[in-house]
Amino acid sequence: MGDRRASGSFSRRRPLLLSPEEAEDFSDLIEWAGIQPWSNGRVGLTGVSYLTVAQWRVAGLTPPHLWLLHADHVDASQPAALL
């Protein structure tokens, strides 16, 4: 889990949600995780809603250590989705 650029800082400008800069930061985080001593080099992502869209954006940058996307969608209009 990582924080967005400038999280917790009022002195730096945060990138807009789903911006190219945010996707680049996400890609950097994937590459960082992929080279850690505890990593097998395969980084997977999972999420719903905003995180699903963010996954597809970063996948377009083709980070070498990105191995898997699990993009889930929850439809709040369906009662079973809220369980």
C-alpha atoms as a PDB file:
ATOM      1  CA  MET A   1       0.000   0.000   0.000  1.00  0.00           C
ATOM      2  CA  GLY A   2       1.385   3.403  -0.898  1.00  0.00           C
ATOM      3  CA  ASP A   3       0.454   7.022  -0.504  1.00  0.00           C
ATOM      4  CA  ARG A   4      -0.188   9.389  -3.373  1.00  0.00           C
ATOM      5  CA  ARG A   5       2.405  12.040  -4.184  1.00  0.00           C
ATOM      6  CA  ALA A   6       2.354  14.896  -1.641  1.00  0.00           C
ATOM      7  CA  SER A   7       0.058  12.992   0.738  1.00  0.00           C
ATOM      8  CA  GLY A   8       0.268  14.616   4.130  1.00  0.00           C
ATOM      9  CA  SER A   9       1.988  17.679   2.695  1.00  0.00           C
ATOM     10  CA  PHE A  10       0.437  21.063   2.149  1.00  0.00           C
ATOM     11  CA  SER A  11       3.559  22.466   0.523  1.00  0.00           C
ATOM     12  CA  ARG A  12       3.463  20.285  -2.593  1.00  0.00           C
ATOM     13  CA  ARG A  13       0.754  20.022  -5.221  1.00  0.00           C
ATOM     14  CA  ARG A  14      -0.949  16.645  -5.526  1.00  0.00           C
ATOM     15  CA  PRO A  15      -1.630  15.334  -9.014  1.00  0.00           C
ATOM     16  CA  LEU A  16      -5.253  15.183 -10.079  1.00  0.00           C
ATOM     17  CA  LEU A  17      -7.069  11.898  -9.603  1.00  0.00           C
ATOM     18  CA  LEU A  18      -6.441   9.540 -12.520  1.00  0.00           C
ATOM     19  CA  SER A  19      -3.921  11.955 -14.059  1.00  0.00           C
ATOM     20  CA  PRO A  20      -0.888  10.815 -16.070  1.00  0.00           C
ATOM     21  CA  GLU A  21       1.315  11.863 -13.125  1.00  0.00           C
ATOM     22  CA  GLU A  22      -0.647   9.647 -10.764  1.00  0.00           C
ATOM     23  CA  ALA A  23      -0.291   6.692 -13.153  1.00  0.00           C
ATOM     24  CA  GLU A  24       3.468   7.319 -13.339  1.00  0.00           C
ATOM     25  CA  ASP A  25       3.688   7.353  -9.529  1.00  0.00           C
ATOM     26  CA  PHE A  26       1.703   4.101  -9.399  1.00  0.00           C
ATOM     27  CA  SER A  27       4.083   2.582 -11.952  1.00  0.00           C
ATOM     28  CA  ASP A  28       7.073   3.672  -9.847  1.00  0.00           C
ATOM     29  CA  LEU A  29       5.513   1.994  -6.797  1.00  0.00           C
ATOM     30  CA  ILE A  30       4.993  -1.239  -8.743  1.00  0.00           C
ATOM     31  CA  GLU A  31       8.611  -1.209  -9.890  1.00  0.00           C
ATOM     32  CA  TRP A  32       9.828  -0.477  -6.352  1.00  0.00           C
ATOM     33  CA  ALA A  33       7.837  -3.433  -4.982  1.00  0.00           C
ATOM     34  CA  GLY A  34       9.064  -5.689  -7.787  1.00  0.00           C
ATOM     35  CA  ILE A  35      12.740  -5.271  -6.858  1.00  0.00           C
ATOM     36  CA  GLN A  36      12.492  -5.598  -3.080  1.00  0.00           C
ATOM     37  CA  PRO A  37      14.375  -8.538  -1.507  1.00  0.00           C
ATOM     38  CA  TRP A  38      11.085  -9.992  -0.228  1.00  0.00           C
ATOM     39  CA  SER A  39       9.468  -9.829  -3.685  1.00  0.00           C
ATOM     40  CA  ASN A  40       9.384 -12.564  -6.306  1.00  0.00           C
ATOM     41  CA  GLY A  41       9.287  -9.813  -8.949  1.00  0.00           C
ATOM     42  CA  ARG A  42       5.613 -10.252  -9.752  1.00  0.00           C
ATOM     43  CA  VAL A  43       3.346  -7.446  -8.559  1.00  0.00           C
ATOM     44  CA  GLY A  44      -0.420  -7.874  -8.550  1.00  0.00           C
ATOM     45  CA  LEU A  45      -3.090  -5.214  -8.116  1.00  0.00           C
ATOM     46  CA  THR A  46      -6.644  -5.483  -6.870  1.00  0.00           C
ATOM     47  CA  GLY A  47      -9.384  -2.982  -6.229  1.00  0.00           C
ATOM     48  CA  VAL A  48     -12.871  -1.751  -6.906  1.00  0.00           C
ATOM     49  CA  SER A  49     -14.261   1.456  -8.348  1.00  0.00           C
ATOM     50  CA  TYR A  50     -11.545   4.161  -8.424  1.00  0.00           C
ATOM     51  CA  LEU A  51      -8.801   1.572  -7.883  1.00  0.00           C
ATOM     52  CA  THR A  52     -10.041  -0.425 -10.860  1.00  0.00           C
ATOM     53  CA  VAL A  53      -9.732   2.571 -13.175  1.00  0.00           C
ATOM     54  CA  ALA A  54      -6.327   3.449 -11.701  1.00  0.00           C
ATOM     55  CA  GLN A  55      -5.144  -0.120 -12.435  1.00  0.00           C
ATOM     56  CA  TRP A  56      -6.093   0.128 -16.088  1.00  0.00           C
ATOM     57  CA  ARG A  57      -4.339   3.501 -16.376  1.00  0.00           C
ATOM     58  CA  VAL A  58      -1.083   2.191 -14.925  1.00  0.00           C
ATOM     59  CA  ALA A  59      -1.297  -1.016 -16.985  1.00  0.00           C
ATOM     60  CA  GLY A  60      -1.188   1.175 -20.091  1.00  0.00           C
ATOM     61  CA  LEU A  61       2.318   2.221 -19.018  1.00  0.00           C
ATOM     62  CA  THR A  62       3.386  -1.470 -19.026  1.00  0.00           C
ATOM     63  CA  PRO A  63       5.566  -1.525 -15.895  1.00  0.00           C
ATOM     64  CA  PRO A  64       7.807  -4.620 -16.243  1.00  0.00           C
ATOM     65  CA  HIS A  65       6.971  -6.052 -12.793  1.00  0.00           C
ATOM     66  CA  LEU A  66       3.192  -5.762 -13.178  1.00  0.00           C
ATOM     67  CA  TRP A  67       2.004  -9.342 -13.382  1.00  0.00           C
ATOM     68  CA  LEU A  68      -1.705  -9.371 -12.561  1.00  0.00           C
ATOM     69  CA  LEU A  69      -4.745  -7.107 -12.402  1.00  0.00           C
ATOM     70  CA  HIS A  70      -7.832  -8.066 -10.458  1.00  0.00           C
ATOM     71  CA  ALA A  71     -10.252  -5.321 -11.349  1.00  0.00           C
ATOM     72  CA  ASP A  72     -13.531  -5.861  -9.541  1.00  0.00           C
ATOM     73  CA  HIS A  73     -16.701  -3.895 -10.005  1.00  0.00           C
ATOM     74  CA  VAL A  74     -19.360  -3.435  -7.365  1.00  0.00           C
ATOM     75  CA  ASP A  75     -22.775  -2.370  -8.514  1.00  0.00           C
ATOM     76  CA  ALA A  76     -24.384  -0.723  -5.497  1.00  0.00           C
ATOM     77  CA  SER A  77     -27.798  -0.972  -7.164  1.00  0.00           C
ATOM     78  CA  GLN A  78     -27.682  -4.745  -6.685  1.00  0.00           C
ATOM     79  CA  PRO A  79     -28.455  -5.779  -3.083  1.00  0.00           C
ATOM     80  CA  ALA A  80     -26.072  -8.757  -3.199  1.00  0.00           C
ATOM     81  CA  ALA A  81     -23.190  -6.403  -4.012  1.00  0.00           C
ATOM     82  CA  LEU A  82     -23.591  -4.738  -0.638  1.00  0.00           C
ATOM     83  CA  LEU A  83     -23.053  -7.918   1.412  1.00  0.00           C
END
